[in-house]
Amino acid sequence: MNTGDRFIEKNKEGNTPWVHKEADFNLVNMVENWPINPCRTLELGCGTGTDAIWLAENGFEVTAIDGSPIAIDIAKKAAQENNIDCNFKVIDFVSDEMKESPYDFIFDRGFFHSFDTDSDRKLIAEKAAGLLSERGMWLTLMANADAPPRDSGPPMRSARSIVDAVEPFFKILTLTVSYFGNEQDDPPRIWVCLMRKR
């Protein structure tokens, strides 16, 4: 089963520990303090749309994609209920063509780390770079392999695995340690990685 199919199955089962009610504070902090100004934005693996909706509320022109029709339906309903203009689409980022580029900013929370091989992560980085405008930026939040081992949770990646995948296509602007912003008592430790297209 490929990565996209695994997530579709988890959504069908209701096994979605990554779902969060408020925008991830790591995204909020980076947007407000780097700063990242409102621009054409793509969110990869948007899930139920919490972060995409926050971006749209703050002036970003957002296209948010996910391979799960269930997640996208929930995201569209949440945007409609809050009168938020956000373009949610069911798209498999790996296999489907993206026609609306270039974007100025890409965000993902746990999408990039979902790919298990170095070659797959390098392909994701190359495709992301191809969708960005000159000097476009990508912010990814991914589980950190330096954290203590866990019985469950997201796949944990080393700093080296990030650098090896993205370095040909991106300049890393900052790579810091944090944790996922969610409602869990003990959220997974993560890398917060902001990059600029080479």
C-alpha atoms as a PDB file:
ATOM      1  CA  MET A   1       0.000   0.000   0.000  1.00  0.00           C
ATOM      2  CA  ASN A   2       1.493   3.370  -0.971  1.00  0.00           C
ATOM      3  CA  THR A   3       1.654   6.421   1.269  1.00  0.00           C
ATOM      4  CA  GLY A   4      -1.476   8.046  -0.133  1.00  0.00           C
ATOM      5  CA  ASP A   5      -3.553   4.874   0.199  1.00  0.00           C
ATOM      6  CA  ARG A   6      -2.420   4.447   3.822  1.00  0.00           C
ATOM      7  CA  PHE A   7      -3.718   7.900   4.709  1.00  0.00           C
ATOM      8  CA  ILE A   8      -7.010   7.332   2.891  1.00  0.00           C
ATOM      9  CA  GLU A   9      -7.503   4.134   4.897  1.00  0.00           C
ATOM     10  CA  LYS A  10      -6.671   5.871   8.168  1.00  0.00           C
ATOM     11  CA  ASN A  11      -9.268   8.568   7.389  1.00  0.00           C
ATOM     12  CA  LYS A  12     -11.874   5.890   6.654  1.00  0.00           C
ATOM     13  CA  GLU A  13     -11.082   4.214   9.976  1.00  0.00           C
ATOM     14  CA  GLY A  14     -11.150   7.523  11.868  1.00  0.00           C
ATOM     15  CA  ASN A  15      -7.543   6.839  12.921  1.00  0.00           C
ATOM     16  CA  THR A  16      -6.313  10.436  12.551  1.00  0.00           C
ATOM     17  CA  PRO A  17      -4.142  11.452  15.534  1.00  0.00           C
ATOM     18  CA  TRP A  18      -2.665  14.303  13.478  1.00  0.00           C
ATOM     19  CA  VAL A  19      -5.994  16.186  13.381  1.00  0.00           C
ATOM     20  CA  HIS A  20      -5.820  19.386  15.434  1.00  0.00           C
ATOM     21  CA  LYS A  21      -8.396  22.054  16.265  1.00  0.00           C
ATOM     22  CA  GLU A  22      -6.165  25.144  16.237  1.00  0.00           C
ATOM     23  CA  ALA A  23      -3.531  26.213  13.739  1.00  0.00           C
ATOM     24  CA  ASP A  24      -0.165  24.695  14.639  1.00  0.00           C
ATOM     25  CA  PHE A  25       1.732  27.275  16.687  1.00  0.00           C
ATOM     26  CA  ASN A  26       4.907  26.512  14.718  1.00  0.00           C
ATOM     27  CA  LEU A  27       3.247  27.773  11.534  1.00  0.00           C
ATOM     28  CA  VAL A  28       1.786  30.792  13.324  1.00  0.00           C
ATOM     29  CA  ASN A  29       5.149  31.726  14.874  1.00  0.00           C
ATOM     30  CA  MET A  30       7.015  31.394  11.594  1.00  0.00           C
ATOM     31  CA  VAL A  31       4.486  33.443   9.631  1.00  0.00           C
ATOM     32  CA  GLU A  32       4.360  36.175  12.262  1.00  0.00           C
ATOM     33  CA  ASN A  33       8.032  36.329  13.230  1.00  0.00           C
ATOM     34  CA  TRP A  34      10.095  35.430  10.149  1.00  0.00           C
ATOM     35  CA  PRO A  35       7.894  37.009   8.711  1.00  0.00           C
ATOM     36  CA  ILE A  36       6.201  35.259   5.812  1.00  0.00           C
ATOM     37  CA  ASN A  37       3.908  37.753   4.123  1.00  0.00           C
ATOM     38  CA  PRO A  38       0.546  36.821   2.580  1.00  0.00           C
ATOM     39  CA  CYS A  39       1.087  35.257  -0.840  1.00  0.00           C
ATOM     40  CA  ARG A  40      -0.005  32.424  -3.138  1.00  0.00           C
ATOM     41  CA  THR A  41       0.298  29.350  -0.926  1.00  0.00           C
ATOM     42  CA  LEU A  42       0.073  25.593  -1.339  1.00  0.00           C
ATOM     43  CA  GLU A  43      -0.477  23.281   1.611  1.00  0.00           C
ATOM     44  CA  LEU A  44       0.514  19.650   1.054  1.00  0.00           C
ATOM     45  CA  GLY A  45      -1.428  16.997   2.956  1.00  0.00           C
ATOM     46  CA  CYS A  46      -3.804  19.542   4.454  1.00  0.00           C
ATOM     47  CA  GLY A  47      -6.004  16.992   6.220  1.00  0.00           C
ATOM     48  CA  THR A  48      -9.119  18.622   7.632  1.00  0.00           C
ATOM     49  CA  GLY A  49      -7.889  22.102   6.743  1.00  0.00           C
ATOM     50  CA  THR A  50      -7.129  23.739  10.092  1.00  0.00           C
ATOM     51  CA  ASP A  51      -3.836  25.325   9.018  1.00  0.00           C
ATOM     52  CA  ALA A  52      -5.030  26.219   5.510  1.00  0.00           C
ATOM     53  CA  ILE A  53      -8.037  28.026   6.972  1.00  0.00           C
ATOM     54  CA  TRP A  54      -5.800  29.956   9.376  1.00  0.00           C
ATOM     55  CA  LEU A  55      -3.562  31.012   6.496  1.00  0.00           C
ATOM     56  CA  ALA A  56      -6.576  32.129   4.445  1.00  0.00           C
ATOM     57  CA  GLU A  57      -7.940  34.074   7.415  1.00  0.00           C
ATOM     58  CA  ASN A  58      -4.617  35.900   7.520  1.00  0.00           C
ATOM     59  CA  GLY A  59      -4.622  37.029   3.922  1.00  0.00           C
ATOM     60  CA  PHE A  60      -2.938  34.122   2.134  1.00  0.00           C
ATOM     61  CA  GLU A  61      -4.382  32.883  -1.174  1.00  0.00           C
ATOM     62  CA  VAL A  62      -4.475  29.187  -0.320  1.00  0.00           C
ATOM     63  CA  THR A  63      -4.739  26.018  -2.349  1.00  0.00           C
ATOM     64  CA  ALA A  64      -4.742  23.041   0.014  1.00  0.00           C
ATOM     65  CA  ILE A  65      -4.514  19.457  -1.192  1.00  0.00           C
ATOM     66  CA  ASP A  66      -4.908  16.009   0.301  1.00  0.00           C
ATOM     67  CA  GLY A  67      -5.328  12.533  -1.130  1.00  0.00           C
ATOM     68  CA  SER A  68      -8.273  11.769   1.170  1.00  0.00           C
ATOM     69  CA  PRO A  69     -11.748  12.786  -0.068  1.00  0.00           C
ATOM     70  CA  ILE A  70     -13.013  12.396   3.518  1.00  0.00           C
ATOM     71  CA  ALA A  71     -10.506  14.935   4.864  1.00  0.00           C
ATOM     72  CA  ILE A  72     -11.170  17.376   2.017  1.00  0.00           C
ATOM     73  CA  ASP A  73     -14.955  17.190   2.579  1.00  0.00           C
ATOM     74  CA  ILE A  74     -14.430  18.068   6.259  1.00  0.00           C
ATOM     75  CA  ALA A  75     -12.078  20.912   5.308  1.00  0.00           C
ATOM     76  CA  LYS A  76     -14.512  22.363   2.756  1.00  0.00           C
ATOM     77  CA  LYS A  77     -17.346  22.253   5.292  1.00  0.00           C
ATOM     78  CA  ALA A  78     -15.220  24.006   7.940  1.00  0.00           C
ATOM     79  CA  ALA A  79     -14.213  26.742   5.487  1.00  0.00           C
ATOM     80  CA  GLN A  80     -17.814  27.237   4.379  1.00  0.00           C
ATOM     81  CA  GLU A  81     -19.088  27.403   7.970  1.00  0.00           C
ATOM     82  CA  ASN A  82     -16.504  30.093   8.731  1.00  0.00           C
ATOM     83  CA  ASN A  83     -17.020  31.958   5.442  1.00  0.00           C
ATOM     84  CA  ILE A  84     -13.364  31.414   4.479  1.00  0.00           C
ATOM     85  CA  ASP A  85     -12.205  31.421   0.856  1.00  0.00           C
ATOM     86  CA  CYS A  86      -9.848  28.454   0.576  1.00  0.00           C
ATOM     87  CA  ASN A  87      -9.340  26.203  -2.455  1.00  0.00           C
ATOM     88  CA  PHE A  88      -9.430  22.595  -1.185  1.00  0.00           C
ATOM     89  CA  LYS A  89      -8.725  19.805  -3.674  1.00  0.00           C
ATOM     90  CA  VAL A  90      -8.402  16.024  -3.641  1.00  0.00           C
ATOM     91  CA  ILE A  91      -4.996  15.556  -5.268  1.00  0.00           C
ATOM     92  CA  ASP A  92      -2.274  12.934  -4.960  1.00  0.00           C
ATOM     93  CA  PHE A  93       0.817  15.136  -4.921  1.00  0.00           C
ATOM     94  CA  VAL A  94       3.064  12.304  -6.095  1.00  0.00           C
ATOM     95  CA  SER A  95       1.117  11.232  -9.167  1.00  0.00           C
ATOM     96  CA  ASP A  96      -1.235  14.088 -10.089  1.00  0.00           C
ATOM     97  CA  GLU A  97      -0.254  17.130 -12.102  1.00  0.00           C
ATOM     98  CA  MET A  98      -0.403  20.499 -10.361  1.00  0.00           C
ATOM     99  CA  LYS A  99      -1.525  23.133 -12.847  1.00  0.00           C
ATOM    100  CA  GLU A 100      -1.861  26.301 -10.789  1.00  0.00           C
ATOM    101  CA  SER A 101       1.775  27.057  -9.982  1.00  0.00           C
ATOM    102  CA  PRO A 102       3.867  28.974  -9.277  1.00  0.00           C
ATOM    103  CA  TYR A 103       3.292  29.391  -5.559  1.00  0.00           C
ATOM    104  CA  ASP A 104       5.309  31.667  -3.311  1.00  0.00           C
ATOM    105  CA  PHE A 105       5.015  29.523  -0.169  1.00  0.00           C
ATOM    106  CA  ILE A 106       4.490  25.821   0.486  1.00  0.00           C
ATOM    107  CA  PHE A 107       3.532  24.488   3.898  1.00  0.00           C
ATOM    108  CA  ASP A 108       3.244  20.943   5.128  1.00  0.00           C
ATOM    109  CA  ARG A 109       2.684  19.496   8.558  1.00  0.00           C
ATOM    110  CA  GLY A 110       3.703  15.860   8.518  1.00  0.00           C
ATOM    111  CA  PHE A 111       3.433  15.296   4.766  1.00  0.00           C
ATOM    112  CA  PHE A 112       7.122  15.235   3.805  1.00  0.00           C
ATOM    113  CA  HIS A 113       8.090  12.909   6.642  1.00  0.00           C
ATOM    114  CA  SER A 114       5.507  10.337   5.506  1.00  0.00           C
ATOM    115  CA  PHE A 115       7.741   9.132   2.688  1.00  0.00           C
ATOM    116  CA  ASP A 116      10.025   6.322   3.800  1.00  0.00           C
ATOM    117  CA  THR A 117      12.855   6.329   1.284  1.00  0.00           C
ATOM    118  CA  ASP A 118      15.503   8.925   0.546  1.00  0.00           C
ATOM    119  CA  SER A 119      14.651   8.754  -3.152  1.00  0.00           C
ATOM    120  CA  ASP A 120      10.935   9.398  -2.501  1.00  0.00           C
ATOM    121  CA  ARG A 121      11.709  12.379  -0.269  1.00  0.00           C
ATOM    122  CA  LYS A 122      14.086  13.756  -2.893  1.00  0.00           C
ATOM    123  CA  LEU A 123      11.333  13.459  -5.530  1.00  0.00           C
ATOM    124  CA  ILE A 124       8.918  15.345  -3.243  1.00  0.00           C
ATOM    125  CA  ALA A 125      11.508  18.091  -2.715  1.00  0.00           C
ATOM    126  CA  GLU A 126      12.161  18.359  -6.446  1.00  0.00           C
ATOM    127  CA  LYS A 127       8.449  18.597  -7.241  1.00  0.00           C
ATOM    128  CA  ALA A 128       7.913  21.192  -4.495  1.00  0.00           C
ATOM    129  CA  ALA A 129      10.763  23.299  -5.867  1.00  0.00           C
ATOM    130  CA  GLY A 130       9.255  23.069  -9.339  1.00  0.00           C
ATOM    131  CA  LEU A 131       5.993  24.551  -8.066  1.00  0.00           C
ATOM    132  CA  LEU A 132       7.595  27.544  -6.355  1.00  0.00           C
ATOM    133  CA  SER A 133       8.320  30.983  -7.737  1.00  0.00           C
ATOM    134  CA  GLU A 134      11.844  32.383  -7.677  1.00  0.00           C
ATOM    135  CA  ARG A 135      12.904  32.710  -4.004  1.00  0.00           C
ATOM    136  CA  GLY A 136       9.773  30.834  -2.949  1.00  0.00           C
ATOM    137  CA  MET A 137       9.830  29.194   0.497  1.00  0.00           C
ATOM    138  CA  TRP A 138       8.786  25.830   1.925  1.00  0.00           C
ATOM    139  CA  LEU A 139       8.030  25.264   5.605  1.00  0.00           C
ATOM    140  CA  THR A 140       7.844  21.632   6.674  1.00  0.00           C
ATOM    141  CA  LEU A 141       7.111  20.216  10.129  1.00  0.00           C
ATOM    142  CA  MET A 142       8.312  16.631  10.557  1.00  0.00           C
ATOM    143  CA  ALA A 143       8.867  14.197  13.386  1.00  0.00           C
ATOM    144  CA  ASN A 144      12.372  14.296  14.841  1.00  0.00           C
ATOM    145  CA  ALA A 145      14.485  11.136  15.071  1.00  0.00           C
ATOM    146  CA  ASP A 146      16.404  12.602  18.023  1.00  0.00           C
ATOM    147  CA  ALA A 147      13.301  12.235  20.187  1.00  0.00           C
ATOM    148  CA  PRO A 148      12.943   9.217  22.492  1.00  0.00           C
ATOM    149  CA  PRO A 149      11.504   6.152  20.704  1.00  0.00           C
ATOM    150  CA  ARG A 150       7.700   5.929  20.680  1.00  0.00           C
ATOM    151  CA  ASP A 151       5.405   2.927  20.329  1.00  0.00           C
ATOM    152  CA  SER A 152       3.193   4.856  17.938  1.00  0.00           C
ATOM    153  CA  GLY A 153       3.130   8.135  16.102  1.00  0.00           C
ATOM    154  CA  PRO A 154       4.600   9.655  12.974  1.00  0.00           C
ATOM    155  CA  PRO A 155       7.737   8.390  11.219  1.00  0.00           C
ATOM    156  CA  MET A 156      10.803  10.001  12.757  1.00  0.00           C
ATOM    157  CA  ARG A 157      13.422  11.569  10.484  1.00  0.00           C
ATOM    158  CA  SER A 158      17.002  12.648  11.069  1.00  0.00           C
ATOM    159  CA  ALA A 159      18.379  16.060  10.184  1.00  0.00           C
ATOM    160  CA  ARG A 160      20.657  14.318   7.677  1.00  0.00           C
ATOM    161  CA  SER A 161      17.672  12.765   5.870  1.00  0.00           C
ATOM    162  CA  ILE A 162      16.169  16.241   5.465  1.00  0.00           C
ATOM    163  CA  VAL A 163      19.393  17.771   4.167  1.00  0.00           C
ATOM    164  CA  ASP A 164      20.088  14.887   1.780  1.00  0.00           C
ATOM    165  CA  ALA A 165      16.621  15.191   0.223  1.00  0.00           C
ATOM    166  CA  VAL A 166      16.268  18.951  -0.080  1.00  0.00           C
ATOM    167  CA  GLU A 167      19.805  20.296  -0.509  1.00  0.00           C
ATOM    168  CA  PRO A 168      19.920  20.028  -4.319  1.00  0.00           C
ATOM    169  CA  PHE A 169      16.733  22.103  -4.624  1.00  0.00           C
ATOM    170  CA  PHE A 170      16.544  24.278  -1.504  1.00  0.00           C
ATOM    171  CA  LYS A 171      18.716  26.383   0.772  1.00  0.00           C
ATOM    172  CA  ILE A 172      17.851  25.647   4.413  1.00  0.00           C
ATOM    173  CA  LEU A 173      17.164  28.948   6.189  1.00  0.00           C
ATOM    174  CA  THR A 174      16.433  27.497   9.619  1.00  0.00           C
ATOM    175  CA  LEU A 175      16.182  24.021  11.130  1.00  0.00           C
ATOM    176  CA  THR A 176      14.999  23.997  14.731  1.00  0.00           C
ATOM    177  CA  VAL A 177      13.560  21.564  17.255  1.00  0.00           C
ATOM    178  CA  SER A 178       9.982  21.927  18.493  1.00  0.00           C
ATOM    179  CA  TYR A 179       6.913  19.725  18.953  1.00  0.00           C
ATOM    180  CA  PHE A 180       3.646  19.377  17.082  1.00  0.00           C
ATOM    181  CA  GLY A 181       1.028  21.906  18.130  1.00  0.00           C
ATOM    182  CA  ASN A 182      -2.008  19.790  18.955  1.00  0.00           C
ATOM    183  CA  GLU A 183      -4.199  18.651  21.809  1.00  0.00           C
ATOM    184  CA  GLN A 184      -2.053  15.655  22.825  1.00  0.00           C
ATOM    185  CA  ASP A 185      -0.590  15.551  26.340  1.00  0.00           C
ATOM    186  CA  ASP A 186       2.781  14.471  24.954  1.00  0.00           C
ATOM    187  CA  PRO A 187       3.009  15.651  21.331  1.00  0.00           C
ATOM    188  CA  PRO A 188       5.820  14.266  19.168  1.00  0.00           C
ATOM    189  CA  ARG A 189       9.043  16.257  18.960  1.00  0.00           C
ATOM    190  CA  ILE A 190       9.612  17.680  15.483  1.00  0.00           C
ATOM    191  CA  TRP A 191      11.913  19.528  13.147  1.00  0.00           C
ATOM    192  CA  VAL A 192      10.715  22.932  11.929  1.00  0.00           C
ATOM    193  CA  CYS A 193      12.491  23.462   8.637  1.00  0.00           C
ATOM    194  CA  LEU A 194      12.151  26.626   6.538  1.00  0.00           C
ATOM    195  CA  MET A 195      13.783  26.534   3.133  1.00  0.00           C
ATOM    196  CA  ARG A 196      14.160  28.807   0.132  1.00  0.00           C
ATOM    197  CA  LYS A 197      14.191  27.556  -3.439  1.00  0.00           C
ATOM    198  CA  ARG A 198      17.666  27.560  -5.004  1.00  0.00           C
END
